[in-house]
Protein backbone atom coordinates (compact mmCIF):
# COMPACT_ATOMS: atom_id res chain seq x y z
CA MET A 1 -17.76 -24.96 4.02
CA LEU A 2 -17.28 -23.83 0.33
CA TYR A 3 -14.65 -26.16 -1.64
CA MET A 4 -12.67 -25.63 -4.91
CA HIS A 5 -11.08 -28.16 -7.10
CA ASP A 6 -8.34 -28.31 -9.79
CA LEU A 7 -6.73 -25.00 -8.80
CA TRP A 8 -3.64 -23.19 -10.71
CA VAL A 9 -1.21 -22.14 -8.76
CA ASN A 10 1.94 -19.30 -8.64
CA TRP A 11 3.50 -18.79 -4.81
CA PHE A 12 4.95 -16.07 -3.91
CA GLU A 13 6.96 -16.76 -0.79
CA GLY A 14 7.53 -14.75 2.20
CA GLU A 15 6.32 -11.20 0.50
CA GLU A 16 4.06 -9.51 3.07
CA ASN A 17 2.64 -6.49 0.30
CA GLY A 18 -0.26 -7.97 -2.30
CA TYR A 19 1.21 -5.96 -5.11
CA ASN A 20 4.15 -8.80 -4.85
CA VAL A 21 1.71 -11.23 -5.24
CA CYS A 22 1.22 -11.16 -9.18
CA ARG A 23 -2.19 -11.52 -10.89
CA PHE A 24 -2.41 -13.65 -13.75
CA HIS A 25 -0.83 -11.40 -16.16
CA GLU A 26 2.48 -11.19 -14.74
CA TRP A 27 3.11 -15.27 -14.66
CA ARG A 28 6.47 -15.64 -16.67
CA LYS A 29 7.41 -19.46 -17.58
CA GLU A 30 9.46 -19.67 -15.39
CA ASP A 31 7.41 -19.83 -12.40
CA GLY A 32 6.86 -22.82 -10.66
CA ILE A 33 3.21 -22.79 -11.34
CA GLU A 34 1.31 -25.55 -9.15
CA LEU A 35 -1.68 -27.44 -9.20
CA ILE A 36 -4.16 -28.22 -5.97
CA ASP A 37 -6.88 -30.69 -5.99
CA GLN A 38 -8.66 -29.55 -3.12
CA ILE A 39 -9.05 -26.23 -1.23
CA PRO A 40 -11.44 -24.45 0.95
CA LEU A 41 -12.49 -21.38 0.03
CA LEU A 42 -12.95 -18.54 2.61
CA PHE A 43 -15.69 -15.18 2.38
CA VAL A 44 -14.49 -13.38 4.35
CA ASN A 45 -14.60 -9.56 5.47
CA ASP A 46 -12.18 -6.35 4.17
CA GLU A 47 -10.46 -6.26 6.90
CA LEU A 48 -8.95 -9.58 7.33
CA PHE A 49 -8.48 -9.76 3.28
CA HIS A 50 -6.28 -7.18 3.29
CA PHE A 51 -4.39 -8.08 6.52
CA ILE A 52 -4.13 -11.62 5.24
CA GLU A 53 -3.15 -9.60 1.32
CA ASN A 54 -1.09 -7.46 2.74
CA ASP A 55 0.81 -9.56 6.09
CA LEU A 56 3.03 -11.58 7.83
CA GLN A 57 1.59 -12.05 11.19
CA ASP A 58 0.14 -15.26 13.20
CA LEU A 59 -3.91 -16.02 11.83
CA PRO A 60 -6.75 -15.70 13.88
CA PRO A 61 -6.30 -19.13 15.49
CA ALA A 62 -10.63 -19.81 14.51
CA LEU A 63 -10.03 -19.66 11.11
CA LEU A 64 -6.63 -22.19 11.17
CA GLN A 65 -8.21 -24.51 12.46
CA ASP A 66 -11.58 -24.02 9.89
CA ILE A 67 -9.21 -25.00 7.51
CA HIS A 68 -7.09 -27.17 9.43
CA GLY A 69 -6.10 -30.23 6.85
CA LYS A 70 -8.49 -29.78 3.98
CA THR A 71 -6.44 -28.71 0.86
CA TYR A 72 -4.99 -31.73 -0.83
CA MET A 73 -2.21 -31.36 -4.13
CA LYS A 74 -0.89 -34.14 -6.40
CA LYS A 75 2.40 -34.98 -6.76
CA ASN A 76 3.31 -37.49 -8.93
CA GLN A 77 -0.13 -38.73 -8.73
CA GLU A 78 0.07 -39.27 -4.83
CA ARG A 79 -2.50 -36.27 -2.87
CA GLN A 80 -1.06 -35.11 0.28
CA THR A 81 -2.35 -33.38 2.74
CA VAL A 82 -1.51 -29.57 3.20
CA GLU A 83 -2.11 -28.34 7.30
CA TYR A 84 -3.18 -25.11 6.63
CA ALA A 85 -4.50 -23.61 3.45
CA ALA A 86 -7.29 -21.37 1.24
CA VAL A 87 -9.15 -19.66 -0.58
CA VAL A 88 -10.14 -16.18 0.35
CA THR A 89 -12.20 -13.29 -1.23
CA ASN A 90 -13.94 -10.42 0.67
CA GLY A 91 -15.91 -10.74 -3.24
CA LYS A 92 -14.23 -7.96 -4.86
CA ASP A 93 -10.27 -9.76 -4.82
CA VAL A 94 -8.86 -12.93 -3.88
CA VAL A 95 -5.93 -14.43 -2.86
CA VAL A 96 -4.91 -18.10 -2.00
CA PHE A 97 -2.18 -18.67 1.20
CA ASP A 98 -0.22 -21.78 2.33
CA THR A 99 1.10 -20.53 5.65
CA ILE A 100 4.02 -24.19 5.56
CA GLY A 101 2.51 -25.31 8.32
CA TYR A 102 3.32 -21.93 9.77
CA THR A 103 0.65 -20.08 11.58
CA LEU A 104 0.93 -16.91 8.96
CA PRO A 105 0.98 -16.76 5.71
CA VAL A 106 4.18 -17.52 3.99
CA LYS A 107 3.04 -18.18 0.15
CA LYS A 108 0.62 -16.25 -2.05
CA SER A 109 -0.87 -16.84 -5.09
CA ARG A 110 -3.58 -14.90 -6.78
CA LEU A 111 -5.80 -17.21 -9.47
CA ILE A 112 -6.62 -17.24 -13.14
CA PRO A 113 -9.38 -14.50 -14.49
CA ARG A 114 -11.86 -18.10 -14.88
CA GLN A 115 -11.50 -19.44 -11.55
CA GLU A 116 -11.43 -16.23 -10.19
CA ARG A 117 -14.95 -15.33 -11.76
CA LEU A 118 -16.02 -18.68 -10.32
CA VAL A 119 -14.76 -17.67 -6.64
CA PHE A 120 -17.36 -14.31 -7.03
CA GLU A 121 -20.38 -16.71 -8.03
CA MET A 122 -19.54 -19.08 -5.19
CA VAL A 123 -19.82 -16.37 -2.61
CA GLN A 124 -22.63 -14.11 -3.89
CA GLY A 125 -25.16 -13.70 -1.83
CA LYS A 126 -23.52 -15.02 0.98
CA THR A 127 -22.54 -13.19 4.40
CA PRO A 128 -18.92 -13.15 5.56
CA GLU A 129 -17.50 -15.40 7.92
CA SER A 130 -16.33 -13.45 11.29
CA TYR A 131 -13.36 -14.09 12.76
CA TYR A 132 -11.64 -12.63 16.14
CA MET A 133 -8.91 -10.29 15.22
CA ASP A 134 -6.76 -8.28 17.05
CA LYS A 135 -7.17 -4.96 16.39
CA ASN A 136 -4.09 -3.33 17.65
CA ILE A 137 -2.31 -4.82 14.74
CA LEU A 138 -1.11 -1.95 12.77
CA LYS A 139 0.99 -2.48 9.69
CA GLU A 140 4.11 0.15 8.93
CA HIS A 141 5.22 1.07 5.74
CA HIS A 142 8.87 1.49 5.63
CA ILE A 143 11.53 2.17 2.88
CA LEU A 144 11.91 -1.43 2.73
CA SER A 145 8.29 -2.49 2.15
CA LEU A 146 6.69 0.61 0.19
CA ASP A 147 3.70 1.87 0.53
CA PRO A 148 1.01 -0.06 -1.80
CA ARG A 149 0.41 3.42 -3.07
CA LYS A 150 3.75 3.95 -4.47
CA MET A 151 3.56 0.63 -6.57
CA ALA A 152 0.93 1.60 -8.04
CA GLY A 153 0.63 1.07 -12.32
CA LEU A 154 4.25 0.00 -12.10
CA THR A 155 4.94 -4.09 -14.28
CA ARG A 156 6.50 -6.33 -12.33
CA ARG A 157 10.05 -5.94 -13.10
CA GLU A 158 9.85 -2.44 -12.58
CA ARG A 159 8.95 -3.56 -8.34
CA GLN A 160 11.61 -5.65 -8.43
CA LEU A 161 14.24 -2.78 -9.72
CA LYS A 162 12.63 -0.25 -7.50
CA GLN A 163 13.11 -2.45 -4.12
CA LEU A 164 16.32 -3.09 -5.32
CA LEU A 165 16.48 0.66 -5.10
CA MET A 166 15.63 1.19 -1.93
CA MET A 167 17.48 -1.44 -0.80
CA ALA A 168 20.26 0.32 -2.19
CA LEU A 169 19.12 3.41 -0.51
CA ASP A 170 18.48 1.54 2.55
CA GLN A 171 22.26 0.90 2.40
CA LEU A 172 23.71 3.95 1.61
CA LYS A 173 21.95 5.95 4.77
CA ASN A 174 23.32 3.40 7.34
CA SER A 175 26.84 3.14 5.61
CA ASP A 176 29.83 4.35 6.70
CA HIS A 177 30.15 7.49 4.41
CA PRO A 178 26.51 9.18 4.49
CA GLU A 179 28.69 11.94 2.72
CA GLU A 180 27.98 9.97 -0.07
CA VAL A 181 24.25 10.44 -0.48
CA ARG A 182 24.65 14.66 -1.66
CA TYR A 183 26.30 12.93 -4.11
CA TRP A 184 23.31 10.44 -5.42
CA LEU A 185 21.32 13.22 -4.63
CA THR A 186 22.53 15.18 -7.59
CA GLU A 187 22.80 11.65 -9.80
CA TRP A 188 19.21 12.04 -9.82
CA ASP A 189 19.07 15.32 -9.78
CA PRO A 190 21.44 16.78 -11.41
CA GLY A 191 19.78 20.24 -11.89
CA GLN A 192 19.67 21.32 -8.50
CA TYR A 193 23.36 20.96 -7.39
CA ALA A 194 24.71 24.50 -5.86
CA SER A 195 21.86 23.72 -3.49
CA ILE A 196 22.69 20.43 -2.85
CA LYS A 197 26.59 21.29 -1.63
CA GLN A 198 24.48 23.25 0.98
CA PHE A 199 22.24 20.63 2.40
CA SER A 200 23.37 19.01 5.42
CA VAL A 201 23.06 15.26 4.73
CA GLN A 202 19.75 14.04 6.67
CA GLU A 203 18.01 17.34 4.77
CA ALA A 204 19.61 15.39 1.18
CA TRP A 205 18.74 11.88 1.71
CA ASP A 206 15.49 13.45 3.26
CA ARG A 207 15.23 14.45 -0.80
CA LEU A 208 16.69 11.79 -2.73
CA TYR A 209 14.46 9.24 -0.60
CA LYS A 210 11.43 11.47 -1.59
CA GLY A 211 11.77 11.83 -5.04
CA THR A 212 12.82 8.20 -5.76
CA CYS A 213 9.75 6.67 -3.96
CA SER A 214 7.12 7.96 -6.13
CA GLY A 215 6.66 5.94 -9.62
CA TRP A 216 9.43 4.48 -11.90
CA SER A 217 10.98 5.88 -15.15
CA MET A 218 14.49 6.41 -16.88
CA VAL A 219 16.29 8.40 -14.57
CA HIS A 220 15.25 6.16 -11.81
CA GLU A 221 16.11 3.30 -13.75
CA GLU A 222 19.90 4.80 -14.10
CA LEU A 223 19.96 5.15 -10.73
CA CYS A 224 19.30 1.89 -9.73
CA LYS A 225 22.23 -0.09 -12.27
CA LYS A 226 24.54 3.06 -11.45
CA MET A 227 23.96 2.67 -7.42
CA VAL A 228 24.70 -1.32 -8.01
CA LYS A 229 27.67 -1.72 -9.84
CA GLY A 230 29.83 -3.13 -8.25
CA GLN A 231 27.66 -4.73 -5.11
CA PRO A 232 27.67 -8.69 -6.27
CA PHE A 233 24.06 -9.03 -4.01
CA PHE A 234 22.58 -6.69 -6.10
CA GLU A 235 23.85 -6.37 -9.87
CA THR A 236 23.02 -9.94 -9.32
CA ILE A 237 19.16 -9.20 -8.75
CA TRP A 238 19.68 -6.32 -11.67
CA GLN A 239 20.75 -8.72 -14.39
CA GLY A 240 18.03 -10.77 -12.94
CA GLU A 241 15.38 -8.70 -14.72
CA ASN A 242 17.37 -7.26 -17.32
CA GLU A 243 18.35 -11.20 -18.58
CA ARG A 244 14.56 -11.57 -18.48
CA VAL A 245 13.40 -8.97 -20.42
CA SER A 246 16.10 -9.92 -23.23
CA GLN A 247 14.81 -12.97 -23.15
CA HIS A 248 10.74 -12.03 -23.69
CA MET A 249 11.65 -9.19 -26.41
CA ASN A 250 13.77 -12.32 -28.61
CA SER A 251 11.43 -14.29 -28.29
CA ARG A 252 8.33 -12.27 -29.58
CA ASN A 253 10.52 -11.36 -32.60
């Protein structure tokens, strides 16, 4: 088995979608960067790699058995054993996971570019490991877990705010006031005001969702800001993302 040493990781916990496991250029000062002393490296096929990167389901038992107890973290100068963790690559991309004792990849991280390049060098010319996977496991994307294509090209902040907007829209859809959907569709697309009055709630919802789930713009941002106003949990997320932008801009000046 291949092993890597002295890896810097930035864990993202409970993320089923790889687009939320941020690349190195999007790491932030306040992120909790950790050092892994030793960890196994697995070269796997594309299917298994994407399953680990973009899902949050049980890993193949044989894979877990192969990596059991072979990762060590250094904390306070002490070497601590990690039950199930590994660096995984398909030869084109890399992700690190830690199950924190479970059987699914609860925590995930990317690597810094230099260590990512080392991964590719280490597996060059080698054959991917074969692990049995249940072919019936199919992931379904939905409003709270958007298809990666809907997040393509967005920054970390934009992805966070887009997820916040989707949470607000989902709450709206399931609220006791579905007639508000027409109001928010008008906020999103005021030019269609006359037509919107004639839409059923379902038709208005479909147009609002389909319109907002693509890309990100200042119109998205304004709608998000208005929809989260007065909702403490959503407002906290909104304020947190915008405070980070302010701090970043101030640090550059």
